[in-house]
Amino acid sequence: MPTYEYRCEKCGEKFEHAEHISEHPTAHPVCPKCGSEKTQHLPTQFVAKTSRKS
């Protein structure tokens, strides 16, 4: 399950939230610091990890 980064528009707290890919477009996680529902998704880099060594 991917983890997305969010920022609270009320207090500025940055936090991560794990959600299924199909839930992401409609997800509105609550800020863990202040409880606000006004959170904004932050763009993050994509990193692919494999168990193979290159």
PDB file of N, CA and C in Angstrom:
ATOM      1  N   MET A   1       0.856  -1.173   0.000  1.00  0.00           N
ATOM      2  CA  MET A   1       0.000   0.000   0.000  1.00  0.00           C
ATOM      3  C   MET A   1       0.903   1.238   0.000  1.00  0.00           C
ATOM      4  N   PRO A   2       0.705   2.145  -0.948  1.00  0.00           N
ATOM      5  CA  PRO A   2       1.546   3.340  -1.018  1.00  0.00           C
ATOM      6  C   PRO A   2       1.320   4.286   0.158  1.00  0.00           C
ATOM      7  N   THR A   3       2.363   5.021   0.482  1.00  0.00           N
ATOM      8  CA  THR A   3       2.290   6.046   1.513  1.00  0.00           C
ATOM      9  C   THR A   3       2.406   7.403   0.827  1.00  0.00           C
ATOM     10  N   TYR A   4       1.477   8.290   1.131  1.00  0.00           N
ATOM     11  CA  TYR A   4       1.459   9.621   0.537  1.00  0.00           C
ATOM     12  C   TYR A   4       1.754  10.659   1.609  1.00  0.00           C
ATOM     13  N   GLU A   5       2.366  11.766   1.208  1.00  0.00           N
ATOM     14  CA  GLU A   5       2.687  12.834   2.145  1.00  0.00           C
ATOM     15  C   GLU A   5       1.632  13.936   2.031  1.00  0.00           C
ATOM     16  N   TYR A   6       1.212  14.435   3.186  1.00  0.00           N
ATOM     17  CA  TYR A   6       0.207  15.491   3.261  1.00  0.00           C
ATOM     18  C   TYR A   6       0.711  16.622   4.145  1.00  0.00           C
ATOM     19  N   ARG A   7       0.098  17.801   3.986  1.00  0.00           N
ATOM     20  CA  ARG A   7       0.372  18.945   4.848  1.00  0.00           C
ATOM     21  C   ARG A   7      -0.962  19.506   5.308  1.00  0.00           C
ATOM     22  N   CYS A   8      -1.039  19.798   6.595  1.00  0.00           N
ATOM     23  CA  CYS A   8      -2.250  20.382   7.163  1.00  0.00           C
ATOM     24  C   CYS A   8      -2.294  21.869   6.817  1.00  0.00           C
ATOM     25  N   GLU A   9      -3.417  22.324   6.281  1.00  0.00           N
ATOM     26  CA  GLU A   9      -3.571  23.732   5.924  1.00  0.00           C
ATOM     27  C   GLU A   9      -3.795  24.607   7.153  1.00  0.00           C
ATOM     28  N   LYS A  10      -4.177  24.010   8.270  1.00  0.00           N
ATOM     29  CA  LYS A  10      -4.450  24.776   9.485  1.00  0.00           C
ATOM     30  C   LYS A  10      -3.185  25.013  10.309  1.00  0.00           C
ATOM     31  N   CYS A  11      -2.427  23.930  10.597  1.00  0.00           N
ATOM     32  CA  CYS A  11      -1.266  24.071  11.479  1.00  0.00           C
ATOM     33  C   CYS A  11       0.075  23.890  10.770  1.00  0.00           C
ATOM     34  N   GLY A  12       0.057  23.444   9.500  1.00  0.00           N
ATOM     35  CA  GLY A  12       1.289  23.285   8.741  1.00  0.00           C
ATOM     36  C   GLY A  12       2.023  21.971   8.954  1.00  0.00           C
ATOM     37  N   GLU A  13       1.475  21.094   9.776  1.00  0.00           N
ATOM     38  CA  GLU A  13       2.096  19.794  10.049  1.00  0.00           C
ATOM     39  C   GLU A  13       2.195  18.960   8.773  1.00  0.00           C
ATOM     40  N   LYS A  14       3.371  18.361   8.535  1.00  0.00           N
ATOM     41  CA  LYS A  14       3.541  17.424   7.421  1.00  0.00           C
ATOM     42  C   LYS A  14       3.471  16.022   7.996  1.00  0.00           C
ATOM     43  N   PHE A  15       2.741  15.137   7.314  1.00  0.00           N
ATOM     44  CA  PHE A  15       2.601  13.768   7.795  1.00  0.00           C
ATOM     45  C   PHE A  15       2.379  12.826   6.629  1.00  0.00           C
ATOM     46  N   GLU A  16       2.603  11.537   6.894  1.00  0.00           N
ATOM     47  CA  GLU A  16       2.404  10.510   5.879  1.00  0.00           C
ATOM     48  C   GLU A  16       1.137   9.730   6.182  1.00  0.00           C
ATOM     49  N   HIS A  17       0.487   9.270   5.115  1.00  0.00           N
ATOM     50  CA  HIS A  17      -0.749   8.503   5.262  1.00  0.00           C
ATOM     51  C   HIS A  17      -0.740   7.373   4.248  1.00  0.00           C
ATOM     52  N   ALA A  18      -0.894   6.130   4.717  1.00  0.00           N
ATOM     53  CA  ALA A  18      -0.942   4.972   3.820  1.00  0.00           C
ATOM     54  C   ALA A  18      -2.376   4.772   3.352  1.00  0.00           C
ATOM     55  N   GLU A  19      -2.538   4.599   2.055  1.00  0.00           N
ATOM     56  CA  GLU A  19      -3.874   4.393   1.500  1.00  0.00           C
ATOM     57  C   GLU A  19      -3.764   3.595   0.206  1.00  0.00           C
ATOM     58  N   HIS A  20      -4.811   2.888  -0.114  1.00  0.00           N
ATOM     59  CA  HIS A  20      -4.852   2.107  -1.348  1.00  0.00           C
ATOM     60  C   HIS A  20      -4.884   3.066  -2.530  1.00  0.00           C
ATOM     61  N   ILE A  21      -4.281   2.661  -3.630  1.00  0.00           N
ATOM     62  CA  ILE A  21      -4.215   3.526  -4.815  1.00  0.00           C
ATOM     63  C   ILE A  21      -5.604   3.989  -5.249  1.00  0.00           C
ATOM     64  N   SER A  22      -6.602   3.124  -5.171  1.00  0.00           N
ATOM     65  CA  SER A  22      -7.958   3.502  -5.590  1.00  0.00           C
ATOM     66  C   SER A  22      -8.603   4.510  -4.638  1.00  0.00           C
ATOM     67  N   GLU A  23      -8.135   4.590  -3.386  1.00  0.00           N
ATOM     68  CA  GLU A  23      -8.683   5.545  -2.411  1.00  0.00           C
ATOM     69  C   GLU A  23      -8.048   6.923  -2.543  1.00  0.00           C
ATOM     70  N   HIS A  24      -6.856   6.990  -3.128  1.00  0.00           N
ATOM     71  CA  HIS A  24      -6.094   8.239  -3.127  1.00  0.00           C
ATOM     72  C   HIS A  24      -6.845   9.449  -3.691  1.00  0.00           C
ATOM     73  N   PRO A  25      -7.537   9.350  -4.833  1.00  0.00           N
ATOM     74  CA  PRO A  25      -8.210  10.544  -5.368  1.00  0.00           C
ATOM     75  C   PRO A  25      -9.277  11.134  -4.441  1.00  0.00           C
ATOM     76  N   THR A  26      -9.852  10.336  -3.573  1.00  0.00           N
ATOM     77  CA  THR A  26     -10.923  10.824  -2.700  1.00  0.00           C
ATOM     78  C   THR A  26     -10.516  10.872  -1.228  1.00  0.00           C
ATOM     79  N   ALA A  27      -9.276  10.534  -0.917  1.00  0.00           N
ATOM     80  CA  ALA A  27      -8.826  10.497   0.483  1.00  0.00           C
ATOM     81  C   ALA A  27      -8.643  11.905   1.042  1.00  0.00           C
ATOM     82  N   HIS A  28      -9.090  12.098   2.262  1.00  0.00           N
ATOM     83  CA  HIS A  28      -8.894  13.349   2.991  1.00  0.00           C
ATOM     84  C   HIS A  28      -8.513  12.993   4.423  1.00  0.00           C
ATOM     85  N   PRO A  29      -7.245  12.598   4.636  1.00  0.00           N
ATOM     86  CA  PRO A  29      -6.845  12.194   5.981  1.00  0.00           C
ATOM     87  C   PRO A  29      -6.880  13.360   6.963  1.00  0.00           C
ATOM     88  N   VAL A  30      -7.101  13.032   8.215  1.00  0.00           N
ATOM     89  CA  VAL A  30      -7.170  14.022   9.293  1.00  0.00           C
ATOM     90  C   VAL A  30      -5.763  14.273   9.823  1.00  0.00           C
ATOM     91  N   CYS A  31      -5.445  15.523  10.121  1.00  0.00           N
ATOM     92  CA  CYS A  31      -4.139  15.888  10.665  1.00  0.00           C
ATOM     93  C   CYS A  31      -3.951  15.233  12.034  1.00  0.00           C
ATOM     94  N   PRO A  32      -2.844  14.507  12.235  1.00  0.00           N
ATOM     95  CA  PRO A  32      -2.621  13.857  13.525  1.00  0.00           C
ATOM     96  C   PRO A  32      -2.273  14.838  14.643  1.00  0.00           C
ATOM     97  N   LYS A  33      -1.866  16.057  14.288  1.00  0.00           N
ATOM     98  CA  LYS A  33      -1.472  17.041  15.298  1.00  0.00           C
ATOM     99  C   LYS A  33      -2.661  17.847  15.822  1.00  0.00           C
ATOM    100  N   CYS A  34      -3.474  18.402  14.897  1.00  0.00           N
ATOM    101  CA  CYS A  34      -4.559  19.285  15.334  1.00  0.00           C
ATOM    102  C   CYS A  34      -5.956  18.740  15.046  1.00  0.00           C
ATOM    103  N   GLY A  35      -6.041  17.645  14.267  1.00  0.00           N
ATOM    104  CA  GLY A  35      -7.340  17.043  13.979  1.00  0.00           C
ATOM    105  C   GLY A  35      -8.104  17.686  12.832  1.00  0.00           C
ATOM    106  N   SER A  36      -7.490  18.640  12.152  1.00  0.00           N
ATOM    107  CA  SER A  36      -8.158  19.310  11.036  1.00  0.00           C
ATOM    108  C   SER A  36      -8.343  18.362   9.854  1.00  0.00           C
ATOM    109  N   GLU A  37      -9.439  18.541   9.139  1.00  0.00           N
ATOM    110  CA  GLU A  37      -9.694  17.764   7.930  1.00  0.00           C
ATOM    111  C   GLU A  37      -9.216  18.502   6.687  1.00  0.00           C
ATOM    112  N   LYS A  38      -8.677  19.707   6.862  1.00  0.00           N
ATOM    113  CA  LYS A  38      -8.176  20.492   5.733  1.00  0.00           C
ATOM    114  C   LYS A  38      -6.711  20.140   5.502  1.00  0.00           C
ATOM    115  N   THR A  39      -6.506  19.068   4.740  1.00  0.00           N
ATOM    116  CA  THR A  39      -5.154  18.619   4.432  1.00  0.00           C
ATOM    117  C   THR A  39      -4.949  18.618   2.926  1.00  0.00           C
ATOM    118  N   GLN A  40      -3.702  18.799   2.520  1.00  0.00           N
ATOM    119  CA  GLN A  40      -3.378  18.882   1.105  1.00  0.00           C
ATOM    120  C   GLN A  40      -2.294  17.864   0.773  1.00  0.00           C
ATOM    121  N   HIS A  41      -2.499  17.129  -0.319  1.00  0.00           N
ATOM    122  CA  HIS A  41      -1.511  16.152  -0.776  1.00  0.00           C
ATOM    123  C   HIS A  41      -0.292  16.890  -1.305  1.00  0.00           C
ATOM    124  N   LEU A  42       0.896  16.446  -0.891  1.00  0.00           N
ATOM    125  CA  LEU A  42       2.141  17.021  -1.386  1.00  0.00           C
ATOM    126  C   LEU A  42       2.744  16.093  -2.432  1.00  0.00           C
ATOM    127  N   PRO A  43       3.196  16.633  -3.552  1.00  0.00           N
ATOM    128  CA  PRO A  43       3.834  15.775  -4.552  1.00  0.00           C
ATOM    129  C   PRO A  43       5.121  15.190  -3.986  1.00  0.00           C
ATOM    130  N   THR A  44       5.353  13.918  -4.235  1.00  0.00           N
ATOM    131  CA  THR A  44       6.558  13.253  -3.760  1.00  0.00           C
ATOM    132  C   THR A  44       7.206  12.494  -4.903  1.00  0.00           C
ATOM    133  N   GLN A  45       8.481  12.200  -4.733  1.00  0.00           N
ATOM    134  CA  GLN A  45       9.197  11.440  -5.746  1.00  0.00           C
ATOM    135  C   GLN A  45       8.821   9.976  -5.654  1.00  0.00           C
ATOM    136  N   PHE A  46       8.857   9.319  -6.791  1.00  0.00           N
ATOM    137  CA  PHE A  46       8.578   7.893  -6.846  1.00  0.00           C
ATOM    138  C   PHE A  46       9.905   7.154  -6.821  1.00  0.00           C
ATOM    139  N   VAL A  47      10.029   6.178  -5.929  1.00  0.00           N
ATOM    140  CA  VAL A  47      11.244   5.376  -5.842  1.00  0.00           C
ATOM    141  C   VAL A  47      10.849   3.915  -5.945  1.00  0.00           C
ATOM    142  N   ALA A  48      11.407   3.237  -6.926  1.00  0.00           N
ATOM    143  CA  ALA A  48      11.136   1.805  -7.089  1.00  0.00           C
ATOM    144  C   ALA A  48      12.212   1.015  -6.358  1.00  0.00           C
ATOM    145  N   LYS A  49      11.785   0.075  -5.533  1.00  0.00           N
ATOM    146  CA  LYS A  49      12.723  -0.763  -4.797  1.00  0.00           C
ATOM    147  C   LYS A  49      12.530  -2.205  -5.236  1.00  0.00           C
ATOM    148  N   THR A  50      13.636  -2.886  -5.410  1.00  0.00           N
ATOM    149  CA  THR A  50      13.585  -4.301  -5.751  1.00  0.00           C
ATOM    150  C   THR A  50      14.507  -5.070  -4.821  1.00  0.00           C
ATOM    151  N   SER A  51      14.321  -6.358  -4.769  1.00  0.00           N
ATOM    152  CA  SER A  51      15.179  -7.181  -3.923  1.00  0.00           C
ATOM    153  C   SER A  51      16.451  -7.592  -4.654  1.00  0.00           C
ATOM    154  N   ARG A  52      16.484  -7.385  -5.963  1.00  0.00           N
ATOM    155  CA  ARG A  52      17.667  -7.736  -6.753  1.00  0.00           C
ATOM    156  C   ARG A  52      18.731  -6.663  -6.661  1.00  0.00           C
ATOM    157  N   LYS A  53      19.962  -7.089  -6.646  1.00  0.00           N
ATOM    158  CA  LYS A  53      21.077  -6.139  -6.699  1.00  0.00           C
ATOM    159  C   LYS A  53      21.426  -5.902  -8.154  1.00  0.00           C
ATOM    160  N   SER A  54      21.753  -4.673  -8.493  1.00  0.00           N
ATOM    161  CA  SER A  54      22.082  -4.377  -9.890  1.00  0.00           C
ATOM    162  C   SER A  54      23.559  -4.519 -10.149  1.00  0.00           C
TER     163      SER A  54
END
